[in-house]
């Protein structure tokens, strides 16, 4: 059976179209993550500026040094708590974006495997002497898939460890801030 060039070119066009669509999806997810981070940063900057102006007004209105120190001390803990909340938000946005990108990469990998598999099947049917070449490519594809799965599993483990570390660090920071003498007076 002779190799049909129109069928091969159609298959190639479809593979390129799928790759292009996949690339657009990756770009859109990345841009959505960047947009969320930008909105968070603008909101945090606006809030910080407002709080600093209010704090400066309060300090300027202090009658004595003792009151100024008390105002400054009282403003410290909320700032640390807001910094922790900001860090959590940044981490959450990053983790969500990473998760979406990983899903897209996995889908792309699966689609690529499917396309290569169907191309190999088509080639095996089109050529009588293709058995050895097809078997070699399938073996290499299997090894590449195994390596991809191992790397993917390792990346997920690193993400889980990182998430646990960020959570532990955040909790330790919150406990440390709460144990500062000035923060106990405020809570009491």
N, C-alpha and C. Protein backbone atom coordinates (compact mmCIF):
# COMPACT_ATOMS: atom_id res chain seq x y z
N UNK A 1 0.85 -1.18 0.00
CA UNK A 1 0.00 0.00 0.00
C UNK A 1 0.90 1.24 0.00
N UNK A 2 0.80 2.10 -0.99
CA UNK A 2 1.64 3.30 -1.06
C UNK A 2 1.22 4.33 -0.01
N UNK A 3 2.19 5.14 0.41
CA UNK A 3 1.94 6.18 1.40
C UNK A 3 1.19 7.33 0.73
N UNK A 4 0.10 7.72 1.31
CA UNK A 4 -0.72 8.79 0.77
C UNK A 4 -0.25 10.12 1.35
N UNK A 5 0.29 10.99 0.53
CA UNK A 5 0.78 12.27 1.00
C UNK A 5 -0.32 13.20 1.49
N UNK A 6 -1.48 13.29 0.85
CA UNK A 6 -2.52 14.16 1.40
C UNK A 6 -2.95 13.74 2.81
N UNK A 7 -3.06 12.43 3.06
CA UNK A 7 -3.44 11.97 4.39
C UNK A 7 -2.36 12.32 5.40
N UNK A 8 -1.11 12.17 5.02
CA UNK A 8 0.00 12.49 5.92
C UNK A 8 0.05 13.98 6.21
N UNK A 9 -0.17 14.81 5.18
CA UNK A 9 -0.13 16.25 5.41
C UNK A 9 -1.31 16.72 6.25
N UNK A 10 -2.47 16.10 6.05
CA UNK A 10 -3.63 16.44 6.90
C UNK A 10 -3.35 16.10 8.35
N UNK A 11 -2.74 14.96 8.56
CA UNK A 11 -2.41 14.54 9.92
C UNK A 11 -1.40 15.51 10.54
N UNK A 12 -0.43 15.93 9.76
CA UNK A 12 0.57 16.89 10.24
C UNK A 12 -0.07 18.24 10.55
N UNK A 13 -0.97 18.69 9.71
CA UNK A 13 -1.68 19.95 9.95
C UNK A 13 -2.48 19.86 11.24
N UNK A 14 -3.15 18.74 11.45
CA UNK A 14 -3.93 18.57 12.67
C UNK A 14 -3.04 18.55 13.91
N UNK A 15 -1.89 17.93 13.82
CA UNK A 15 -0.94 17.90 14.95
C UNK A 15 -0.46 19.32 15.25
N UNK A 16 -0.13 20.08 14.24
CA UNK A 16 0.33 21.47 14.44
C UNK A 16 -0.79 22.36 14.98
N UNK A 17 -2.01 22.15 14.50
CA UNK A 17 -3.13 22.93 15.01
C UNK A 17 -3.36 22.63 16.48
N UNK A 18 -3.30 21.36 16.85
CA UNK A 18 -3.49 20.98 18.26
C UNK A 18 -2.36 21.57 19.12
N UNK A 19 -1.14 21.56 18.61
CA UNK A 19 -0.02 22.14 19.36
C UNK A 19 -0.20 23.65 19.53
N UNK A 20 -0.67 24.31 18.49
CA UNK A 20 -0.92 25.75 18.55
C UNK A 20 -2.02 26.08 19.57
N UNK A 21 -3.10 25.31 19.53
CA UNK A 21 -4.19 25.51 20.50
C UNK A 21 -3.71 25.27 21.92
N UNK A 22 -2.88 24.26 22.08
CA UNK A 22 -2.33 23.94 23.40
C UNK A 22 -1.43 25.08 23.90
N UNK A 23 -0.62 25.61 23.01
CA UNK A 23 0.24 26.74 23.37
C UNK A 23 -0.59 27.95 23.78
N UNK A 24 -1.66 28.23 23.07
CA UNK A 24 -2.55 29.33 23.43
C UNK A 24 -3.16 29.12 24.82
N UNK A 25 -3.52 27.89 25.12
CA UNK A 25 -4.06 27.59 26.45
C UNK A 25 -3.02 27.85 27.53
N UNK A 26 -1.79 27.43 27.29
CA UNK A 26 -0.71 27.67 28.25
C UNK A 26 -0.49 29.17 28.47
N UNK A 27 -0.51 29.92 27.40
CA UNK A 27 -0.33 31.37 27.49
C UNK A 27 -1.48 32.01 28.26
N UNK A 28 -2.70 31.59 27.97
CA UNK A 28 -3.86 32.15 28.67
C UNK A 28 -3.83 31.87 30.17
N UNK A 29 -3.44 30.66 30.55
CA UNK A 29 -3.34 30.32 31.98
C UNK A 29 -2.25 31.17 32.63
N UNK A 30 -1.12 31.31 31.97
CA UNK A 30 -0.03 32.12 32.51
C UNK A 30 -0.44 33.58 32.67
N UNK A 31 -1.10 34.12 31.67
CA UNK A 31 -1.55 35.51 31.74
C UNK A 31 -2.62 35.71 32.81
N UNK A 32 -3.50 34.74 32.99
CA UNK A 32 -4.52 34.83 34.04
C UNK A 32 -3.85 34.86 35.41
N UNK A 33 -2.83 34.04 35.60
CA UNK A 33 -2.09 34.05 36.86
C UNK A 33 -1.38 35.38 37.09
N UNK A 34 -0.78 35.91 36.04
CA UNK A 34 -0.10 37.21 36.15
C UNK A 34 -1.10 38.32 36.45
N UNK A 35 -2.28 38.23 35.84
CA UNK A 35 -3.33 39.23 36.08
C UNK A 35 -3.79 39.19 37.54
N UNK A 36 -3.96 37.98 38.09
CA UNK A 36 -4.35 37.85 39.50
C UNK A 36 -3.27 38.44 40.41
N UNK A 37 -2.01 38.16 40.11
CA UNK A 37 -0.92 38.71 40.92
C UNK A 37 -0.87 40.23 40.83
N UNK A 38 -1.08 40.76 39.64
CA UNK A 38 -1.07 42.22 39.47
C UNK A 38 -2.20 42.86 40.27
N UNK A 39 -3.39 42.27 40.22
CA UNK A 39 -4.53 42.81 40.98
C UNK A 39 -4.24 42.75 42.48
N UNK A 40 -3.67 41.65 42.93
CA UNK A 40 -3.31 41.52 44.34
C UNK A 40 -2.28 42.58 44.74
N UNK A 41 -1.28 42.79 43.91
CA UNK A 41 -0.24 43.77 44.21
C UNK A 41 -0.80 45.19 44.25
N UNK A 42 -1.67 45.52 43.34
CA UNK A 42 -2.27 46.86 43.33
C UNK A 42 -3.12 47.06 44.58
N UNK A 43 -3.90 46.06 44.91
CA UNK A 43 -4.73 46.13 46.11
C UNK A 43 -3.88 46.27 47.37
N UNK A 44 -2.83 45.48 47.45
CA UNK A 44 -1.94 45.54 48.63
C UNK A 44 -1.23 46.89 48.71
N UNK A 45 -0.79 47.41 47.59
CA UNK A 45 -0.12 48.71 47.59
C UNK A 45 -1.08 49.82 48.01
N UNK A 46 -2.29 49.78 47.49
CA UNK A 46 -3.29 50.79 47.85
C UNK A 46 -3.60 50.72 49.35
N UNK A 47 -3.79 49.53 49.84
CA UNK A 47 -4.09 49.34 51.26
C UNK A 47 -2.92 49.80 52.14
N UNK A 48 -1.71 49.43 51.75
CA UNK A 48 -0.53 49.82 52.54
C UNK A 48 -0.36 51.34 52.57
N UNK A 49 -0.58 51.98 51.44
CA UNK A 49 -0.46 53.44 51.39
C UNK A 49 -1.48 54.10 52.30
N UNK A 50 -2.72 53.65 52.23
CA UNK A 50 -3.78 54.20 53.07
C UNK A 50 -3.45 54.01 54.55
N UNK A 51 -2.99 52.81 54.90
CA UNK A 51 -2.66 52.52 56.30
C UNK A 51 -1.47 53.36 56.78
N UNK A 52 -0.49 53.55 55.92
CA UNK A 52 0.68 54.35 56.30
C UNK A 52 0.31 55.82 56.50
N UNK A 53 -0.57 56.34 55.66
CA UNK A 53 -1.03 57.72 55.81
C UNK A 53 -1.81 57.86 57.13
N UNK A 54 -2.70 56.92 57.40
CA UNK A 54 -3.46 56.96 58.65
C UNK A 54 -2.53 56.84 59.86
N UNK A 55 -1.55 55.96 59.76
CA UNK A 55 -0.60 55.78 60.86
C UNK A 55 0.22 57.06 61.09
N UNK A 56 0.64 57.69 60.02
CA UNK A 56 1.40 58.94 60.14
C UNK A 56 0.54 60.03 60.79
N UNK A 57 -0.73 60.11 60.39
CA UNK A 57 -1.63 61.09 61.01
C UNK A 57 -1.78 60.82 62.51
N UNK A 58 -1.95 59.55 62.87
CA UNK A 58 -2.07 59.19 64.28
C UNK A 58 -0.81 59.55 65.05
N UNK A 59 0.36 59.28 64.46
CA UNK A 59 1.62 59.60 65.14
C UNK A 59 1.78 61.11 65.31
N UNK A 60 1.38 61.86 64.29
CA UNK A 60 1.49 63.31 64.38
C UNK A 60 0.54 63.88 65.44
N UNK A 61 -0.54 63.18 65.71
CA UNK A 61 -1.51 63.63 66.71
C UNK A 61 -1.17 63.18 68.12
N UNK A 62 -0.11 62.40 68.27
CA UNK A 62 0.26 61.90 69.60
C UNK A 62 0.70 63.06 70.48
N UNK A 63 0.24 63.05 71.74
CA UNK A 63 0.56 64.13 72.68
C UNK A 63 1.96 63.99 73.29
N UNK A 64 2.41 62.73 73.42
CA UNK A 64 3.73 62.53 74.03
C UNK A 64 4.41 61.32 73.39
N UNK A 65 5.65 61.10 73.77
CA UNK A 65 6.46 60.03 73.21
C UNK A 65 5.89 58.65 73.57
N UNK A 66 5.37 58.52 74.77
CA UNK A 66 4.78 57.25 75.22
C UNK A 66 3.61 56.85 74.32
N UNK A 67 2.76 57.80 73.99
CA UNK A 67 1.61 57.54 73.12
C UNK A 67 2.08 57.18 71.71
N UNK A 68 3.11 57.87 71.22
CA UNK A 68 3.64 57.58 69.89
C UNK A 68 4.18 56.16 69.82
N UNK A 69 4.93 55.73 70.84
CA UNK A 69 5.44 54.37 70.88
C UNK A 69 4.30 53.35 70.93
N UNK A 70 3.28 53.65 71.73
CA UNK A 70 2.12 52.75 71.84
C UNK A 70 1.40 52.63 70.49
N UNK A 71 1.23 53.75 69.80
CA UNK A 71 0.58 53.72 68.48
C UNK A 71 1.40 52.91 67.48
N UNK A 72 2.72 53.14 67.52
CA UNK A 72 3.60 52.42 66.60
C UNK A 72 3.59 50.92 66.90
N UNK A 73 3.63 50.57 68.16
CA UNK A 73 3.61 49.16 68.57
C UNK A 73 2.28 48.51 68.17
N UNK A 74 1.18 49.22 68.37
CA UNK A 74 -0.14 48.68 68.03
C UNK A 74 -0.29 48.47 66.52
N UNK A 75 0.41 49.26 65.72
CA UNK A 75 0.29 49.14 64.27
C UNK A 75 1.16 48.02 63.70
N UNK A 76 2.13 47.55 64.47
CA UNK A 76 3.07 46.55 63.95
C UNK A 76 2.43 45.20 63.69
N UNK A 77 1.67 44.69 64.64
CA UNK A 77 1.11 43.35 64.48
C UNK A 77 0.14 43.26 63.29
N UNK A 78 -0.77 44.21 63.11
CA UNK A 78 -1.64 44.12 61.92
C UNK A 78 -0.85 44.14 60.62
N UNK A 79 0.26 44.88 60.59
CA UNK A 79 1.07 44.91 59.38
C UNK A 79 1.70 43.55 59.10
N UNK A 80 2.18 42.89 60.16
CA UNK A 80 2.75 41.55 59.99
C UNK A 80 1.67 40.58 59.54
N UNK A 81 0.49 40.66 60.15
CA UNK A 81 -0.60 39.77 59.76
C UNK A 81 -1.02 39.99 58.31
N UNK A 82 -1.03 41.24 57.88
CA UNK A 82 -1.37 41.53 56.48
C UNK A 82 -0.29 41.03 55.53
N UNK A 83 0.97 41.13 55.97
CA UNK A 83 2.07 40.60 55.14
C UNK A 83 1.95 39.08 55.01
N UNK A 84 1.56 38.42 56.10
CA UNK A 84 1.37 36.97 56.05
C UNK A 84 0.20 36.63 55.12
N UNK A 85 -0.88 37.37 55.23
CA UNK A 85 -2.04 37.13 54.36
C UNK A 85 -1.67 37.37 52.89
N UNK A 86 -0.89 38.41 52.63
CA UNK A 86 -0.43 38.70 51.27
C UNK A 86 0.41 37.53 50.75
N UNK A 87 1.34 37.05 51.58
CA UNK A 87 2.19 35.92 51.17
C UNK A 87 1.36 34.68 50.88
N UNK A 88 0.35 34.43 51.71
CA UNK A 88 -0.54 33.30 51.46
C UNK A 88 -1.26 33.46 50.13
N UNK A 89 -1.72 34.66 49.84
CA UNK A 89 -2.43 34.91 48.58
C UNK A 89 -1.51 34.71 47.38
N UNK A 90 -0.29 35.22 47.49
CA UNK A 90 0.67 35.03 46.39
C UNK A 90 0.93 33.55 46.18
N UNK A 91 1.14 32.83 47.28
CA UNK A 91 1.40 31.40 47.17
C UNK A 91 0.19 30.68 46.57
N UNK A 92 -1.01 31.04 46.99
CA UNK A 92 -2.21 30.39 46.48
C UNK A 92 -2.37 30.63 44.98
N UNK A 93 -2.15 31.86 44.55
CA UNK A 93 -2.25 32.17 43.11
C UNK A 93 -1.20 31.38 42.34
N UNK A 94 0.01 31.35 42.86
CA UNK A 94 1.09 30.61 42.19
C UNK A 94 0.78 29.12 42.12
N UNK A 95 0.30 28.57 43.23
CA UNK A 95 -0.02 27.13 43.26
C UNK A 95 -1.16 26.79 42.30
N UNK A 96 -2.20 27.63 42.26
CA UNK A 96 -3.32 27.38 41.34
C UNK A 96 -2.87 27.46 39.89
N UNK A 97 -2.04 28.46 39.59
CA UNK A 97 -1.55 28.60 38.22
C UNK A 97 -0.68 27.41 37.84
N UNK A 98 0.19 27.00 38.76
CA UNK A 98 1.05 25.85 38.51
C UNK A 98 0.22 24.60 38.28
N UNK A 99 -0.82 24.41 39.08
CA UNK A 99 -1.68 23.23 38.94
C UNK A 99 -2.35 23.21 37.57
N UNK A 100 -2.85 24.37 37.14
CA UNK A 100 -3.49 24.45 35.82
C UNK A 100 -2.48 24.17 34.71
N UNK A 101 -1.26 24.71 34.85
CA UNK A 101 -0.25 24.47 33.83
C UNK A 101 0.15 23.00 33.78
N UNK A 102 0.28 22.37 34.94
CA UNK A 102 0.63 20.95 34.97
C UNK A 102 -0.45 20.13 34.28
N UNK A 103 -1.72 20.46 34.55
CA UNK A 103 -2.82 19.74 33.89
C UNK A 103 -2.74 19.89 32.38
N UNK A 104 -2.45 21.12 31.93
CA UNK A 104 -2.34 21.35 30.49
C UNK A 104 -1.16 20.58 29.89
N UNK A 105 -0.02 20.56 30.61
CA UNK A 105 1.13 19.81 30.12
C UNK A 105 0.81 18.32 30.04
N UNK A 106 0.11 17.82 31.05
CA UNK A 106 -0.27 16.40 31.04
C UNK A 106 -1.21 16.09 29.87
N UNK A 107 -2.18 17.00 29.64
CA UNK A 107 -3.09 16.80 28.51
C UNK A 107 -2.33 16.84 27.19
N UNK A 108 -1.42 17.80 27.08
CA UNK A 108 -0.62 17.92 25.86
C UNK A 108 0.24 16.69 25.64
N UNK A 109 0.80 16.19 26.72
CA UNK A 109 1.62 14.98 26.64
C UNK A 109 0.77 13.80 26.17
N UNK A 110 -0.43 13.66 26.73
CA UNK A 110 -1.32 12.57 26.34
C UNK A 110 -1.73 12.70 24.87
N UNK A 111 -2.04 13.94 24.44
CA UNK A 111 -2.43 14.15 23.04
C UNK A 111 -1.26 13.87 22.10
N UNK A 112 -0.06 14.26 22.51
CA UNK A 112 1.12 13.99 21.68
C UNK A 112 1.33 12.49 21.55
N UNK A 113 1.21 11.76 22.66
CA UNK A 113 1.35 10.30 22.61
C UNK A 113 0.32 9.67 21.68
N UNK A 114 -0.90 10.18 21.76
CA UNK A 114 -1.97 9.65 20.91
C UNK A 114 -1.65 9.92 19.43
N UNK A 115 -1.19 11.13 19.14
CA UNK A 115 -0.86 11.49 17.75
C UNK A 115 0.30 10.65 17.24
N UNK A 116 1.32 10.49 18.05
CA UNK A 116 2.47 9.69 17.63
C UNK A 116 2.05 8.24 17.43
N UNK A 117 1.22 7.74 18.37
CA UNK A 117 0.73 6.36 18.24
C UNK A 117 -0.06 6.14 16.96
N UNK A 118 -0.94 7.07 16.64
CA UNK A 118 -1.74 6.91 15.42
C UNK A 118 -0.86 7.07 14.18
N UNK A 119 0.14 7.96 14.25
CA UNK A 119 1.07 8.11 13.12
C UNK A 119 1.88 6.83 12.92
N UNK A 120 2.31 6.22 14.03
CA UNK A 120 3.07 4.97 13.92
C UNK A 120 2.20 3.85 13.37
N UNK A 121 0.96 3.79 13.82
CA UNK A 121 0.04 2.77 13.30
C UNK A 121 -0.19 2.97 11.81
N UNK A 122 -0.38 4.23 11.41
CA UNK A 122 -0.58 4.53 9.99
C UNK A 122 0.65 4.15 9.19
N UNK A 123 1.84 4.46 9.73
CA UNK A 123 3.09 4.13 9.04
C UNK A 123 3.26 2.61 8.95
N UNK A 124 2.93 1.90 10.02
CA UNK A 124 3.07 0.43 10.02
C UNK A 124 2.15 -0.19 8.96
N UNK A 125 0.96 0.37 8.80
CA UNK A 125 0.04 -0.16 7.79
C UNK A 125 0.48 0.22 6.38
N UNK A 126 1.17 1.37 6.26
CA UNK A 126 1.54 1.89 4.94
C UNK A 126 2.80 1.24 4.39
N UNK A 127 3.65 0.73 5.24
CA UNK A 127 4.93 0.20 4.79
C UNK A 127 5.08 -1.23 5.28
N UNK A 128 5.46 -2.10 4.38
CA UNK A 128 5.58 -3.51 4.73
C UNK A 128 6.81 -3.77 5.59
N UNK A 129 7.87 -2.99 5.44
CA UNK A 129 9.12 -3.25 6.17
C UNK A 129 9.31 -2.30 7.35
N UNK A 130 8.25 -1.88 7.96
CA UNK A 130 8.34 -0.87 9.01
C UNK A 130 8.32 -1.45 10.43
N UNK A 131 8.21 -2.76 10.57
CA UNK A 131 8.04 -3.36 11.88
C UNK A 131 9.15 -3.00 12.86
N UNK A 132 10.38 -3.10 12.43
CA UNK A 132 11.53 -2.83 13.32
C UNK A 132 11.56 -1.34 13.71
N UNK A 133 11.36 -0.46 12.75
CA UNK A 133 11.39 0.97 13.03
C UNK A 133 10.25 1.37 13.96
N UNK A 134 9.07 0.86 13.72
CA UNK A 134 7.91 1.18 14.56
C UNK A 134 8.13 0.66 15.97
N UNK A 135 8.65 -0.55 16.10
CA UNK A 135 8.92 -1.12 17.43
C UNK A 135 9.96 -0.29 18.17
N UNK A 136 10.98 0.18 17.47
CA UNK A 136 12.02 1.00 18.11
C UNK A 136 11.45 2.34 18.58
N UNK A 137 10.64 2.97 17.77
CA UNK A 137 10.03 4.25 18.15
C UNK A 137 9.07 4.05 19.31
N UNK A 138 8.29 2.98 19.27
CA UNK A 138 7.36 2.71 20.37
C UNK A 138 8.12 2.44 21.66
N UNK A 139 9.23 1.75 21.58
CA UNK A 139 10.06 1.49 22.77
C UNK A 139 10.62 2.80 23.32
N UNK A 140 11.12 3.66 22.43
CA UNK A 140 11.64 4.96 22.87
C UNK A 140 10.53 5.82 23.46
N UNK A 141 9.36 5.77 22.89
CA UNK A 141 8.21 6.52 23.39
C UNK A 141 7.81 6.02 24.78
N UNK A 142 7.83 4.72 24.96
CA UNK A 142 7.52 4.14 26.26
C UNK A 142 8.53 4.59 27.31
N UNK A 143 9.79 4.61 26.95
CA UNK A 143 10.83 5.06 27.89
C UNK A 143 10.66 6.55 28.21
N UNK A 144 10.33 7.33 27.21
CA UNK A 144 10.11 8.76 27.43
C UNK A 144 8.89 9.00 28.32
N UNK A 145 7.84 8.23 28.12
CA UNK A 145 6.64 8.34 28.95
C UNK A 145 6.95 7.98 30.40
N UNK A 146 7.73 6.95 30.59
CA UNK A 146 8.12 6.54 31.94
C UNK A 146 8.93 7.64 32.61
N UNK A 147 9.87 8.24 31.88
CA UNK A 147 10.67 9.34 32.43
C UNK A 147 9.78 10.54 32.76
N UNK A 148 8.84 10.84 31.88
CA UNK A 148 7.92 11.96 32.12
C UNK A 148 7.11 11.72 33.39
N UNK A 149 6.59 10.51 33.55
CA UNK A 149 5.81 10.19 34.75
C UNK A 149 6.65 10.31 36.01
N UNK A 150 7.91 9.86 35.95
CA UNK A 150 8.79 9.96 37.12
C UNK A 150 9.09 11.41 37.47
N UNK A 151 9.36 12.23 36.46
CA UNK A 151 9.62 13.65 36.70
C UNK A 151 8.37 14.33 37.23
N UNK A 152 7.23 13.99 36.68
CA UNK A 152 5.96 14.57 37.11
C UNK A 152 5.68 14.20 38.57
N UNK A 153 5.92 12.94 38.92
CA UNK A 153 5.71 12.50 40.30
C UNK A 153 6.66 13.23 41.25
N UNK A 154 7.91 13.39 40.85
CA UNK A 154 8.88 14.10 41.68
C UNK A 154 8.49 15.57 41.84
N UNK A 155 8.01 16.18 40.78
CA UNK A 155 7.60 17.59 40.85
C UNK A 155 6.41 17.75 41.79
N UNK A 156 5.49 16.82 41.76
CA UNK A 156 4.33 16.88 42.68
C UNK A 156 4.77 16.70 44.12
N UNK A 157 5.74 15.83 44.35
CA UNK A 157 6.25 15.64 45.70
C UNK A 157 6.93 16.92 46.20
N UNK A 158 7.71 17.56 45.33
CA UNK A 158 8.36 18.82 45.70
C UNK A 158 7.31 19.88 46.00
N UNK A 159 6.25 19.93 45.19
CA UNK A 159 5.17 20.91 45.44
C UNK A 159 4.50 20.64 46.77
N UNK A 160 4.26 19.37 47.09
CA UNK A 160 3.64 19.03 48.38
C UNK A 160 4.55 19.41 49.54
N UNK A 161 5.84 19.14 49.40
CA UNK A 161 6.80 19.49 50.46
C UNK A 161 6.88 21.01 50.62
N UNK A 162 6.89 21.72 49.50
CA UNK A 162 6.93 23.18 49.54
C UNK A 162 5.68 23.73 50.22
N UNK A 163 4.54 23.19 49.87
CA UNK A 163 3.29 23.65 50.48
C UNK A 163 3.31 23.42 51.98
N UNK A 164 3.79 22.27 52.41
CA UNK A 164 3.88 21.97 53.84
C UNK A 164 4.86 22.93 54.52
N UNK A 165 5.98 23.23 53.86
CA UNK A 165 6.96 24.17 54.41
C UNK A 165 6.41 25.58 54.53
N UNK A 166 5.70 26.03 53.51
CA UNK A 166 5.10 27.37 53.55
C UNK A 166 4.07 27.45 54.66
N UNK A 167 3.27 26.41 54.79
CA UNK A 167 2.26 26.39 55.85
C UNK A 167 2.91 26.40 57.23
N UNK A 168 3.94 25.61 57.41
CA UNK A 168 4.63 25.57 58.71
C UNK A 168 5.30 26.91 59.02
N UNK A 169 5.92 27.52 58.02
CA UNK A 169 6.57 28.81 58.23
C UNK A 169 5.55 29.90 58.56
N UNK A 170 4.43 29.87 57.87
CA UNK A 170 3.37 30.85 58.15
C UNK A 170 2.84 30.68 59.57
N UNK A 171 2.57 29.45 59.95
CA UNK A 171 2.07 29.20 61.30
C UNK A 171 3.10 29.61 62.36
N UNK A 172 4.36 29.33 62.12
CA UNK A 172 5.41 29.71 63.06
C UNK A 172 5.51 31.23 63.17
N UNK A 173 5.37 31.93 62.06
CA UNK A 173 5.41 33.40 62.08
C UNK A 173 4.23 33.96 62.85
N UNK A 174 3.05 33.40 62.63
CA UNK A 174 1.86 33.87 63.35
C UNK A 174 2.04 33.65 64.84
N UNK A 175 2.56 32.48 65.24
CA UNK A 175 2.79 32.21 66.66
C UNK A 175 3.84 33.15 67.24
N UNK A 176 4.90 33.43 66.46
CA UNK A 176 5.95 34.32 66.94
C UNK A 176 5.43 35.73 67.13
N UNK A 177 4.62 36.21 66.20
CA UNK A 177 4.06 37.56 66.31
C UNK A 177 3.11 37.62 67.50
N UNK A 178 2.32 36.57 67.69
CA UNK A 178 1.37 36.55 68.80
C UNK A 178 2.08 36.51 70.16
N UNK A 179 3.31 36.01 70.18
CA UNK A 179 4.02 35.91 71.45
C UNK A 179 4.79 37.18 71.81
N UNK A 180 4.80 38.17 70.92
CA UNK A 180 5.46 39.45 71.21
C UNK A 180 4.69 40.14 72.34
N UNK A 181 5.39 40.67 73.35
CA UNK A 181 4.70 41.25 74.51
C UNK A 181 3.63 42.28 74.17
N UNK A 182 3.87 43.14 73.22
CA UNK A 182 2.88 44.17 72.85
C UNK A 182 1.60 43.59 72.30
N UNK A 183 1.69 42.42 71.62
CA UNK A 183 0.49 41.85 71.04
C UNK A 183 -0.39 41.20 72.09
N UNK A 184 0.18 40.74 73.22
CA UNK A 184 -0.64 40.18 74.30
C UNK A 184 -1.47 41.27 74.97
N UNK A 185 -0.87 42.43 75.14
CA UNK A 185 -1.62 43.53 75.76
C UNK A 185 -2.81 43.93 74.90
N UNK A 186 -2.57 43.90 73.58
CA UNK A 186 -3.65 44.28 72.67
C UNK A 186 -4.76 43.25 72.68
N UNK A 187 -4.37 41.96 72.77
CA UNK A 187 -5.38 40.89 72.76
C UNK A 187 -6.15 40.85 74.07
N UNK A 188 -5.52 41.27 75.19
CA UNK A 188 -6.17 41.18 76.49
C UNK A 188 -7.19 42.24 76.74
